[in-house]
N, C-alpha and C. Protein backbone atom coordinates (compact mmCIF):
# COMPACT_ATOMS: atom_id res chain seq x y z
N MET A 1 7.27 -3.43 -4.73
CA MET A 1 6.41 -2.68 -3.83
C MET A 1 6.51 -1.20 -4.17
N PRO A 2 5.36 -0.50 -4.19
CA PRO A 2 5.37 0.93 -4.49
C PRO A 2 6.11 1.71 -3.41
N PRO A 3 6.58 2.91 -3.76
CA PRO A 3 7.27 3.71 -2.75
C PRO A 3 6.34 4.11 -1.61
N ILE A 4 6.88 4.07 -0.41
CA ILE A 4 6.12 4.47 0.77
C ILE A 4 6.43 5.93 1.05
N HIS A 5 5.39 6.73 1.18
CA HIS A 5 5.58 8.15 1.44
C HIS A 5 5.49 8.43 2.92
N GLU A 6 6.60 8.83 3.51
CA GLU A 6 6.61 9.25 4.91
C GLU A 6 6.24 10.73 5.02
N SER A 7 6.29 11.43 3.89
CA SER A 7 5.99 12.86 3.89
C SER A 7 4.51 13.08 4.15
N HIS A 8 4.23 14.09 4.92
CA HIS A 8 2.83 14.49 5.13
C HIS A 8 2.55 15.78 4.41
N ASN A 9 3.29 15.99 3.33
CA ASN A 9 3.13 17.16 2.49
C ASN A 9 2.32 16.75 1.26
N PRO A 10 1.07 17.20 1.15
CA PRO A 10 0.24 16.79 0.02
C PRO A 10 0.85 17.13 -1.34
N LYS A 11 1.60 18.25 -1.43
CA LYS A 11 2.20 18.64 -2.71
C LYS A 11 3.24 17.61 -3.16
N LYS A 12 4.04 17.09 -2.23
CA LYS A 12 5.03 16.07 -2.58
C LYS A 12 4.36 14.78 -3.03
N ILE A 13 3.28 14.44 -2.37
CA ILE A 13 2.57 13.20 -2.73
C ILE A 13 1.88 13.37 -4.08
N LEU A 14 1.27 14.54 -4.33
CA LEU A 14 0.64 14.79 -5.62
C LEU A 14 1.67 14.80 -6.75
N ALA A 15 2.91 15.20 -6.43
CA ALA A 15 3.96 15.20 -7.45
C ALA A 15 4.31 13.78 -7.88
N ALA A 16 3.97 12.78 -7.08
CA ALA A 16 4.24 11.38 -7.42
C ALA A 16 3.14 10.76 -8.27
N PHE A 17 2.12 11.55 -8.65
CA PHE A 17 1.05 11.05 -9.51
C PHE A 17 1.65 10.59 -10.83
N PRO A 18 1.27 9.48 -11.42
CA PRO A 18 0.13 8.63 -11.16
C PRO A 18 0.38 7.51 -10.16
N GLY A 19 1.51 7.54 -9.49
CA GLY A 19 1.76 6.55 -8.45
C GLY A 19 2.27 5.25 -9.00
N PRO A 20 2.14 4.20 -8.31
CA PRO A 20 1.44 4.07 -7.03
C PRO A 20 2.25 4.64 -5.87
N VAL A 21 1.52 5.11 -4.88
CA VAL A 21 2.09 5.66 -3.65
C VAL A 21 1.40 4.97 -2.48
N VAL A 22 2.17 4.60 -1.47
CA VAL A 22 1.60 3.97 -0.27
C VAL A 22 1.71 4.93 0.90
N LEU A 23 0.59 5.15 1.58
CA LEU A 23 0.55 5.95 2.80
C LEU A 23 0.38 5.00 3.98
N LEU A 24 1.20 5.17 5.00
CA LEU A 24 1.12 4.31 6.18
C LEU A 24 0.37 5.02 7.30
N PRO A 25 -0.23 4.26 8.21
CA PRO A 25 -0.95 4.89 9.32
C PRO A 25 0.01 5.63 10.25
N GLU A 26 -0.57 6.56 10.97
CA GLU A 26 0.22 7.35 11.91
C GLU A 26 0.60 6.46 13.10
N LYS A 27 1.89 6.25 13.29
CA LYS A 27 2.37 5.32 14.31
C LYS A 27 2.00 5.75 15.72
N GLN A 28 2.11 7.03 16.01
CA GLN A 28 1.85 7.50 17.37
C GLN A 28 0.42 7.17 17.81
N THR A 29 -0.54 7.39 16.93
CA THR A 29 -1.93 7.10 17.27
C THR A 29 -2.13 5.62 17.59
N TRP A 30 -1.56 4.75 16.77
CA TRP A 30 -1.74 3.31 16.98
C TRP A 30 -0.97 2.82 18.19
N LEU A 31 0.18 3.42 18.48
CA LEU A 31 0.92 3.05 19.69
C LEU A 31 0.15 3.45 20.94
N ILE A 32 -0.42 4.64 20.93
CA ILE A 32 -1.22 5.09 22.09
C ILE A 32 -2.44 4.20 22.27
N MET A 33 -3.12 3.89 21.16
CA MET A 33 -4.31 3.04 21.26
C MET A 33 -3.95 1.64 21.79
N SER A 34 -2.89 1.05 21.24
CA SER A 34 -2.49 -0.29 21.68
C SER A 34 -2.00 -0.27 23.12
N GLY A 35 -1.26 0.77 23.49
CA GLY A 35 -0.81 0.91 24.88
C GLY A 35 -1.97 1.06 25.84
N GLY A 36 -2.97 1.84 25.45
CA GLY A 36 -4.16 2.02 26.29
C GLY A 36 -4.93 0.73 26.46
N LEU A 37 -5.10 -0.02 25.37
CA LEU A 37 -5.78 -1.31 25.47
C LEU A 37 -5.00 -2.27 26.35
N GLY A 38 -3.68 -2.28 26.20
CA GLY A 38 -2.84 -3.15 27.03
C GLY A 38 -2.93 -2.78 28.50
N PHE A 39 -2.95 -1.47 28.79
CA PHE A 39 -3.06 -1.02 30.18
C PHE A 39 -4.39 -1.44 30.80
N VAL A 40 -5.48 -1.22 30.08
CA VAL A 40 -6.80 -1.61 30.60
C VAL A 40 -6.87 -3.14 30.74
N GLY A 41 -6.25 -3.86 29.80
CA GLY A 41 -6.19 -5.31 29.91
C GLY A 41 -5.43 -5.76 31.15
N ALA A 42 -4.33 -5.05 31.48
CA ALA A 42 -3.56 -5.38 32.68
C ALA A 42 -4.37 -5.12 33.93
N VAL A 43 -5.14 -4.03 33.95
CA VAL A 43 -6.00 -3.73 35.09
C VAL A 43 -7.04 -4.83 35.26
N CYS A 44 -7.64 -5.27 34.16
CA CYS A 44 -8.63 -6.35 34.23
C CYS A 44 -8.00 -7.64 34.73
N ALA A 45 -6.78 -7.94 34.27
CA ALA A 45 -6.10 -9.15 34.73
C ALA A 45 -5.83 -9.08 36.23
N LEU A 46 -5.39 -7.92 36.71
CA LEU A 46 -5.15 -7.75 38.15
C LEU A 46 -6.44 -7.87 38.95
N LEU A 47 -7.53 -7.33 38.42
CA LEU A 47 -8.82 -7.48 39.09
C LEU A 47 -9.24 -8.95 39.16
N ALA A 48 -9.01 -9.69 38.09
CA ALA A 48 -9.35 -11.12 38.08
C ALA A 48 -8.54 -11.86 39.13
N ILE A 49 -7.25 -11.57 39.22
CA ILE A 49 -6.39 -12.22 40.22
C ILE A 49 -6.82 -11.84 41.63
N TRP A 50 -7.09 -10.55 41.83
CA TRP A 50 -7.50 -10.08 43.16
C TRP A 50 -8.81 -10.73 43.58
N ARG A 51 -9.80 -10.80 42.65
CA ARG A 51 -11.10 -11.40 42.99
C ARG A 51 -10.93 -12.89 43.33
N THR A 52 -10.03 -13.56 42.63
CA THR A 52 -9.81 -14.98 42.89
C THR A 52 -9.24 -15.18 44.29
N PHE A 53 -8.25 -14.38 44.67
CA PHE A 53 -7.65 -14.52 46.01
C PHE A 53 -8.58 -14.00 47.10
N ALA A 54 -9.35 -12.95 46.83
CA ALA A 54 -10.25 -12.38 47.84
C ALA A 54 -11.40 -13.34 48.15
N ASP A 55 -11.89 -14.03 47.13
CA ASP A 55 -13.02 -14.95 47.32
C ASP A 55 -12.57 -16.36 47.68
N GLY A 56 -11.31 -16.66 47.50
CA GLY A 56 -10.81 -17.99 47.80
C GLY A 56 -11.07 -19.00 46.72
N SER A 57 -11.77 -18.62 45.67
CA SER A 57 -12.02 -19.51 44.53
C SER A 57 -12.30 -18.65 43.31
N ILE A 58 -12.34 -19.30 42.17
CA ILE A 58 -12.62 -18.56 40.93
C ILE A 58 -14.12 -18.28 40.86
N THR A 59 -14.45 -17.00 40.79
CA THR A 59 -15.86 -16.59 40.74
C THR A 59 -16.19 -16.10 39.33
N GLY A 60 -17.46 -15.84 39.14
CA GLY A 60 -17.92 -15.33 37.84
C GLY A 60 -17.28 -14.01 37.49
N SER A 61 -17.13 -13.12 38.47
CA SER A 61 -16.53 -11.82 38.17
C SER A 61 -15.06 -11.96 37.79
N ALA A 62 -14.36 -12.91 38.41
CA ALA A 62 -12.96 -13.14 38.05
C ALA A 62 -12.85 -13.69 36.63
N ILE A 63 -13.76 -14.56 36.26
CA ILE A 63 -13.75 -15.12 34.91
C ILE A 63 -14.02 -14.03 33.88
N VAL A 64 -15.02 -13.19 34.15
CA VAL A 64 -15.35 -12.10 33.23
C VAL A 64 -14.16 -11.15 33.09
N CYS A 65 -13.53 -10.77 34.19
CA CYS A 65 -12.36 -9.88 34.13
C CYS A 65 -11.22 -10.53 33.37
N GLY A 66 -11.01 -11.82 33.59
CA GLY A 66 -9.95 -12.52 32.88
C GLY A 66 -10.20 -12.59 31.38
N LEU A 67 -11.44 -12.88 30.98
CA LEU A 67 -11.78 -12.93 29.56
C LEU A 67 -11.66 -11.55 28.91
N LEU A 68 -12.09 -10.53 29.63
CA LEU A 68 -11.96 -9.16 29.12
C LEU A 68 -10.49 -8.78 28.96
N ALA A 69 -9.66 -9.19 29.91
CA ALA A 69 -8.22 -8.92 29.83
C ALA A 69 -7.62 -9.59 28.60
N MET A 70 -7.99 -10.84 28.35
CA MET A 70 -7.46 -11.54 27.17
C MET A 70 -7.90 -10.86 25.87
N LEU A 71 -9.15 -10.42 25.83
CA LEU A 71 -9.67 -9.74 24.65
C LEU A 71 -8.92 -8.43 24.40
N LEU A 72 -8.73 -7.65 25.44
CA LEU A 72 -8.02 -6.36 25.30
C LEU A 72 -6.56 -6.57 24.93
N PHE A 73 -5.89 -7.55 25.54
CA PHE A 73 -4.51 -7.85 25.17
C PHE A 73 -4.44 -8.29 23.71
N GLY A 74 -5.42 -9.05 23.27
CA GLY A 74 -5.45 -9.50 21.88
C GLY A 74 -5.57 -8.35 20.90
N PHE A 75 -6.48 -7.39 21.19
CA PHE A 75 -6.63 -6.22 20.32
C PHE A 75 -5.35 -5.37 20.32
N ALA A 76 -4.74 -5.21 21.49
CA ALA A 76 -3.50 -4.43 21.58
C ALA A 76 -2.40 -5.11 20.76
N ALA A 77 -2.29 -6.42 20.87
CA ALA A 77 -1.27 -7.15 20.11
C ALA A 77 -1.54 -7.07 18.62
N LEU A 78 -2.80 -7.18 18.21
CA LEU A 78 -3.14 -7.09 16.79
C LEU A 78 -2.78 -5.72 16.24
N GLY A 79 -3.08 -4.67 16.99
CA GLY A 79 -2.74 -3.32 16.55
C GLY A 79 -1.25 -3.14 16.39
N LEU A 80 -0.47 -3.60 17.36
CA LEU A 80 0.99 -3.49 17.29
C LEU A 80 1.55 -4.34 16.15
N TRP A 81 1.04 -5.55 16.01
CA TRP A 81 1.51 -6.43 14.94
C TRP A 81 1.23 -5.82 13.57
N SER A 82 0.02 -5.29 13.39
CA SER A 82 -0.34 -4.68 12.10
C SER A 82 0.54 -3.48 11.81
N LEU A 83 0.86 -2.73 12.84
CA LEU A 83 1.69 -1.53 12.67
C LEU A 83 3.13 -1.89 12.34
N THR A 84 3.69 -2.85 13.06
CA THR A 84 5.10 -3.18 12.86
C THR A 84 5.36 -3.97 11.58
N THR A 85 4.37 -4.68 11.08
CA THR A 85 4.57 -5.45 9.85
C THR A 85 4.26 -4.64 8.60
N GLY A 86 3.77 -3.41 8.77
CA GLY A 86 3.42 -2.61 7.61
C GLY A 86 2.18 -3.11 6.90
N ARG A 87 1.38 -3.85 7.62
CA ARG A 87 0.19 -4.49 7.06
C ARG A 87 -0.89 -3.48 6.71
N MET A 88 -1.04 -2.42 7.51
CA MET A 88 -2.07 -1.42 7.25
C MET A 88 -1.52 -0.35 6.31
N GLY A 89 -2.40 0.27 5.57
CA GLY A 89 -1.98 1.36 4.71
C GLY A 89 -3.01 1.67 3.64
N MET A 90 -2.64 2.63 2.80
CA MET A 90 -3.47 3.04 1.68
C MET A 90 -2.58 3.20 0.46
N LYS A 91 -2.99 2.60 -0.65
CA LYS A 91 -2.24 2.72 -1.90
C LYS A 91 -3.05 3.56 -2.87
N LEU A 92 -2.42 4.61 -3.40
CA LEU A 92 -3.04 5.47 -4.39
C LEU A 92 -2.39 5.22 -5.74
N ASP A 93 -3.20 5.14 -6.78
CA ASP A 93 -2.67 5.12 -8.13
C ASP A 93 -3.71 5.74 -9.05
N ASP A 94 -3.48 5.65 -10.36
CA ASP A 94 -4.39 6.31 -11.28
C ASP A 94 -5.72 5.57 -11.45
N ALA A 95 -5.81 4.34 -10.98
CA ALA A 95 -7.05 3.58 -11.10
C ALA A 95 -7.99 3.80 -9.91
N GLY A 96 -7.41 4.03 -8.74
CA GLY A 96 -8.22 4.19 -7.54
C GLY A 96 -7.35 4.12 -6.31
N PHE A 97 -7.96 3.76 -5.20
CA PHE A 97 -7.20 3.59 -3.97
C PHE A 97 -7.60 2.28 -3.31
N GLU A 98 -6.62 1.73 -2.61
CA GLU A 98 -6.84 0.47 -1.90
C GLU A 98 -6.43 0.69 -0.44
N THR A 99 -7.30 0.33 0.48
CA THR A 99 -6.97 0.41 1.89
C THR A 99 -6.86 -1.00 2.45
N VAL A 100 -5.98 -1.15 3.43
CA VAL A 100 -5.85 -2.40 4.17
C VAL A 100 -5.95 -2.04 5.64
N ASP A 101 -6.94 -2.59 6.33
CA ASP A 101 -7.14 -2.26 7.73
C ASP A 101 -6.38 -3.23 8.64
N MET A 102 -6.52 -3.07 9.95
CA MET A 102 -5.75 -3.89 10.89
C MET A 102 -6.13 -5.37 10.83
N TRP A 103 -7.28 -5.68 10.28
CA TRP A 103 -7.70 -7.08 10.14
C TRP A 103 -7.14 -7.70 8.87
N GLY A 104 -6.47 -6.88 8.04
CA GLY A 104 -5.92 -7.37 6.78
C GLY A 104 -6.93 -7.36 5.65
N ILE A 105 -8.08 -6.73 5.87
CA ILE A 105 -9.12 -6.67 4.84
C ILE A 105 -8.76 -5.57 3.84
N ARG A 106 -8.69 -5.97 2.56
CA ARG A 106 -8.35 -5.04 1.49
C ARG A 106 -9.64 -4.54 0.84
N ARG A 107 -9.69 -3.24 0.61
CA ARG A 107 -10.83 -2.64 -0.08
C ARG A 107 -10.29 -1.75 -1.19
N PHE A 108 -10.70 -2.03 -2.42
CA PHE A 108 -10.31 -1.21 -3.55
C PHE A 108 -11.51 -0.41 -4.01
N ARG A 109 -11.29 0.86 -4.30
CA ARG A 109 -12.34 1.71 -4.84
C ARG A 109 -11.78 2.45 -6.05
N SER A 110 -12.49 2.38 -7.15
CA SER A 110 -12.11 3.08 -8.38
C SER A 110 -12.45 4.57 -8.22
N TRP A 111 -11.62 5.42 -8.82
CA TRP A 111 -11.88 6.87 -8.74
C TRP A 111 -13.21 7.21 -9.41
N ARG A 112 -13.63 6.42 -10.39
CA ARG A 112 -14.91 6.70 -11.05
C ARG A 112 -16.09 6.42 -10.14
N ASP A 113 -15.89 5.57 -9.13
CA ASP A 113 -17.00 5.15 -8.28
C ASP A 113 -17.15 5.96 -7.00
N VAL A 114 -16.15 6.78 -6.66
CA VAL A 114 -16.20 7.51 -5.39
C VAL A 114 -16.11 9.01 -5.63
N HIS A 115 -16.60 9.77 -4.68
CA HIS A 115 -16.54 11.23 -4.77
C HIS A 115 -16.87 11.81 -3.39
N GLY A 116 -16.71 13.09 -3.24
CA GLY A 116 -17.13 13.78 -2.02
C GLY A 116 -16.32 13.45 -0.78
N PHE A 117 -15.00 13.47 -0.89
CA PHE A 117 -14.17 13.22 0.28
C PHE A 117 -14.32 14.41 1.23
N ARG A 118 -14.59 14.10 2.51
CA ARG A 118 -14.71 15.19 3.48
C ARG A 118 -14.33 14.71 4.87
N PRO A 119 -13.79 15.62 5.69
CA PRO A 119 -13.43 15.24 7.06
C PRO A 119 -14.66 15.22 7.96
N VAL A 120 -14.68 14.28 8.89
CA VAL A 120 -15.78 14.15 9.85
C VAL A 120 -15.15 13.77 11.19
N VAL A 121 -15.68 14.36 12.27
CA VAL A 121 -15.25 13.98 13.61
C VAL A 121 -16.36 13.14 14.24
N ALA A 122 -16.01 11.92 14.64
CA ALA A 122 -16.96 11.02 15.28
C ALA A 122 -16.27 10.39 16.48
N ARG A 123 -16.92 10.42 17.61
CA ARG A 123 -16.36 9.87 18.85
C ARG A 123 -14.98 10.47 19.14
N TYR A 124 -14.84 11.76 18.91
CA TYR A 124 -13.60 12.52 19.18
C TYR A 124 -12.43 12.13 18.28
N ILE A 125 -12.68 11.38 17.23
CA ILE A 125 -11.63 10.95 16.31
C ILE A 125 -11.96 11.50 14.93
N GLU A 126 -10.92 11.98 14.22
CA GLU A 126 -11.13 12.53 12.89
C GLU A 126 -11.04 11.43 11.84
N TYR A 127 -12.00 11.40 10.94
CA TYR A 127 -12.06 10.44 9.85
C TYR A 127 -12.24 11.20 8.54
N VAL A 128 -12.06 10.48 7.44
CA VAL A 128 -12.41 11.01 6.12
C VAL A 128 -13.47 10.08 5.55
N THR A 129 -14.57 10.67 5.12
CA THR A 129 -15.64 9.88 4.53
C THR A 129 -15.71 10.19 3.04
N TYR A 130 -16.38 9.30 2.31
CA TYR A 130 -16.58 9.51 0.88
C TYR A 130 -17.86 8.82 0.46
N ALA A 131 -18.45 9.34 -0.59
CA ALA A 131 -19.68 8.77 -1.13
C ALA A 131 -19.34 7.90 -2.34
N GLY A 132 -20.26 7.03 -2.66
CA GLY A 132 -20.11 6.24 -3.87
C GLY A 132 -19.76 4.79 -3.65
N GLY A 133 -19.54 4.38 -2.42
CA GLY A 133 -19.28 2.97 -2.14
C GLY A 133 -20.59 2.20 -2.20
N PRO A 134 -20.54 0.92 -1.88
CA PRO A 134 -21.78 0.15 -1.85
C PRO A 134 -22.73 0.72 -0.79
N PRO A 135 -24.02 0.59 -1.00
CA PRO A 135 -24.97 1.16 -0.03
C PRO A 135 -24.83 0.51 1.35
N ALA A 136 -25.07 1.32 2.37
CA ALA A 136 -24.99 0.83 3.76
C ALA A 136 -26.15 -0.12 4.03
N ARG A 137 -25.85 -1.20 4.69
CA ARG A 137 -26.86 -2.17 5.11
C ARG A 137 -27.13 -1.97 6.60
N TRP A 138 -28.10 -2.65 7.13
CA TRP A 138 -28.47 -2.46 8.54
C TRP A 138 -27.33 -2.82 9.48
N TRP A 139 -26.44 -3.72 9.09
CA TRP A 139 -25.34 -4.12 9.97
C TRP A 139 -24.16 -3.15 9.92
N HIS A 140 -24.23 -2.14 9.05
CA HIS A 140 -23.20 -1.11 8.99
C HIS A 140 -23.58 0.06 9.90
N LEU A 141 -23.79 -0.23 11.17
CA LEU A 141 -24.29 0.80 12.09
C LEU A 141 -23.34 1.99 12.22
N ASN A 142 -22.02 1.76 12.20
CA ASN A 142 -21.08 2.89 12.25
C ASN A 142 -21.29 3.83 11.08
N ARG A 143 -21.39 3.26 9.89
CA ARG A 143 -21.60 4.09 8.69
C ARG A 143 -22.88 4.89 8.78
N ILE A 144 -23.94 4.26 9.25
CA ILE A 144 -25.24 4.92 9.31
C ILE A 144 -25.27 5.96 10.43
N THR A 145 -24.79 5.58 11.61
CA THR A 145 -24.88 6.44 12.78
C THR A 145 -23.94 7.64 12.71
N TYR A 146 -22.68 7.39 12.36
CA TYR A 146 -21.67 8.45 12.44
C TYR A 146 -21.36 9.13 11.12
N PHE A 147 -21.57 8.45 9.99
CA PHE A 147 -21.09 8.98 8.72
C PHE A 147 -22.20 9.15 7.69
N GLY A 148 -23.44 9.15 8.11
CA GLY A 148 -24.54 9.37 7.18
C GLY A 148 -24.66 8.34 6.08
N GLY A 149 -24.19 7.12 6.34
CA GLY A 149 -24.25 6.06 5.34
C GLY A 149 -23.07 6.02 4.39
N ASN A 150 -22.19 7.01 4.49
CA ASN A 150 -21.01 7.04 3.62
C ASN A 150 -19.94 6.07 4.10
N GLU A 151 -19.05 5.69 3.18
CA GLU A 151 -17.88 4.89 3.53
C GLU A 151 -16.90 5.79 4.28
N TRP A 152 -15.99 5.19 5.02
CA TRP A 152 -14.98 5.96 5.75
C TRP A 152 -13.65 5.25 5.69
N LEU A 153 -12.58 6.03 5.79
CA LEU A 153 -11.23 5.48 5.75
C LEU A 153 -10.81 5.09 7.16
N PRO A 154 -10.06 3.99 7.31
CA PRO A 154 -9.71 3.51 8.65
C PRO A 154 -8.64 4.34 9.36
N ASP A 155 -8.01 5.28 8.68
CA ASP A 155 -6.95 6.09 9.29
C ASP A 155 -6.85 7.39 8.50
N THR A 156 -6.18 8.40 9.07
CA THR A 156 -5.91 9.63 8.32
C THR A 156 -4.46 9.66 7.86
N TYR A 157 -3.69 8.61 8.16
CA TYR A 157 -2.34 8.42 7.65
C TYR A 157 -1.41 9.59 7.96
N GLY A 158 -1.57 10.17 9.13
CA GLY A 158 -0.70 11.26 9.56
C GLY A 158 -1.14 12.63 9.10
N PHE A 159 -2.19 12.72 8.32
CA PHE A 159 -2.72 13.99 7.85
C PHE A 159 -3.86 14.44 8.74
N SER A 160 -4.20 15.71 8.66
CA SER A 160 -5.47 16.13 9.25
C SER A 160 -6.55 15.61 8.30
N GLY A 161 -7.76 15.51 8.79
CA GLY A 161 -8.83 15.03 7.94
C GLY A 161 -9.03 15.91 6.71
N ALA A 162 -8.94 17.23 6.90
CA ALA A 162 -9.13 18.16 5.78
C ALA A 162 -8.02 18.01 4.74
N SER A 163 -6.77 17.82 5.20
CA SER A 163 -5.65 17.66 4.26
C SER A 163 -5.77 16.37 3.46
N LEU A 164 -6.14 15.27 4.13
CA LEU A 164 -6.29 14.00 3.43
C LEU A 164 -7.46 14.07 2.44
N ALA A 165 -8.57 14.67 2.85
CA ALA A 165 -9.71 14.80 1.94
C ALA A 165 -9.33 15.62 0.72
N SER A 166 -8.59 16.69 0.91
CA SER A 166 -8.15 17.54 -0.19
C SER A 166 -7.19 16.77 -1.11
N LEU A 167 -6.24 16.03 -0.52
CA LEU A 167 -5.30 15.23 -1.30
C LEU A 167 -6.04 14.21 -2.16
N LEU A 168 -6.98 13.50 -1.58
CA LEU A 168 -7.71 12.48 -2.33
C LEU A 168 -8.58 13.09 -3.42
N THR A 169 -9.16 14.24 -3.13
CA THR A 169 -9.98 14.93 -4.15
C THR A 169 -9.12 15.35 -5.33
N LYS A 170 -7.95 15.92 -5.05
CA LYS A 170 -7.06 16.36 -6.14
C LYS A 170 -6.50 15.17 -6.92
N TRP A 171 -6.15 14.09 -6.22
CA TRP A 171 -5.64 12.90 -6.89
C TRP A 171 -6.72 12.32 -7.81
N ARG A 172 -7.94 12.28 -7.31
CA ARG A 172 -9.06 11.78 -8.10
C ARG A 172 -9.28 12.64 -9.34
N GLU A 173 -9.23 13.96 -9.18
CA GLU A 173 -9.42 14.86 -10.32
C GLU A 173 -8.36 14.62 -11.39
N ARG A 174 -7.10 14.43 -10.98
CA ARG A 174 -6.03 14.16 -11.94
C ARG A 174 -6.25 12.82 -12.64
N ALA A 175 -6.65 11.82 -11.87
CA ALA A 175 -6.86 10.49 -12.46
C ALA A 175 -8.00 10.51 -13.48
N LEU A 176 -9.08 11.19 -13.15
CA LEU A 176 -10.21 11.25 -14.07
C LEU A 176 -9.89 12.11 -15.29
N ALA A 177 -9.07 13.15 -15.12
CA ALA A 177 -8.71 14.02 -16.24
C ALA A 177 -7.81 13.31 -17.24
N GLN A 178 -6.99 12.39 -16.80
CA GLN A 178 -6.06 11.71 -17.71
C GLN A 178 -6.71 10.55 -18.44
N SER A 179 -7.87 10.11 -18.00
CA SER A 179 -8.51 8.95 -18.61
C SER A 179 -9.76 9.37 -19.36
N PRO A 180 -9.82 9.07 -20.67
CA PRO A 180 -11.06 9.35 -21.39
C PRO A 180 -12.20 8.53 -20.78
N SER A 181 -13.40 9.09 -20.78
CA SER A 181 -14.50 8.38 -20.12
C SER A 181 -14.74 7.03 -20.77
N GLY A 182 -14.86 6.04 -19.91
CA GLY A 182 -15.12 4.69 -20.36
C GLY A 182 -13.86 3.90 -20.71
N ALA A 183 -12.74 4.58 -20.92
CA ALA A 183 -11.51 3.86 -21.28
C ALA A 183 -10.83 3.37 -20.02
N PRO A 184 -10.07 2.28 -20.11
CA PRO A 184 -9.37 1.82 -18.94
C PRO A 184 -8.31 2.82 -18.52
N TYR A 185 -7.96 2.79 -17.27
CA TYR A 185 -6.95 3.70 -16.75
C TYR A 185 -5.59 3.26 -17.22
N GLY A 186 -4.57 3.99 -16.76
CA GLY A 186 -3.19 3.73 -17.16
C GLY A 186 -2.72 2.34 -16.84
N SER A 187 -1.45 2.20 -16.62
CA SER A 187 -0.83 0.89 -16.47
C SER A 187 -0.89 0.33 -15.07
N SER A 188 -1.56 1.01 -14.16
CA SER A 188 -1.59 0.53 -12.77
C SER A 188 -2.38 -0.74 -12.66
N SER A 189 -1.89 -1.63 -11.81
CA SER A 189 -2.65 -2.84 -11.51
C SER A 189 -2.84 -2.92 -10.03
N VAL A 190 -4.08 -2.92 -9.60
CA VAL A 190 -4.42 -2.96 -8.19
C VAL A 190 -5.29 -4.17 -7.97
N SER A 191 -4.93 -5.00 -6.99
CA SER A 191 -5.76 -6.18 -6.69
C SER A 191 -7.03 -5.76 -6.00
N GLN A 192 -8.07 -6.50 -6.24
CA GLN A 192 -9.34 -6.16 -5.61
C GLN A 192 -9.64 -7.06 -4.47
């Protein structure tokens, strides 16, 4: 397994080029999100119980609250499980970067195929977007609505959006500078 960088210092991470280097998601953000989902799920569960006892039988509103509670508890548990197992993250090497989101979906992008890393704030959350991924389809409403059709990273990995965008831009420049055009990259092997 490649070394995991806990440092949020872009210079230290760039010094590890050509990698591979693994960046993990910011734990505090995911703990707050999972805790918030769990809290709202608990409120929904209490509402379902209260509606059942108040009405003397299980009503439609109690069923809806109960189902919503289960859904929220499930998302909270998935977020915590992904965080504690180290399942989420981003791997950088000289060939490209690979992200793994909370669903376990791996996405690899070659440095030759992506460009234009920039920070974007959408729904009060900071993201990093980039151009060059596959074109957005109609079902990619988040990409179209919030990011102008560009791809986006699932986390900022403890960096500000501007710092992560700058780190990725510099890493990409180094990777492209070391590889003659059209030639395969160094010895890195990244699964797709």
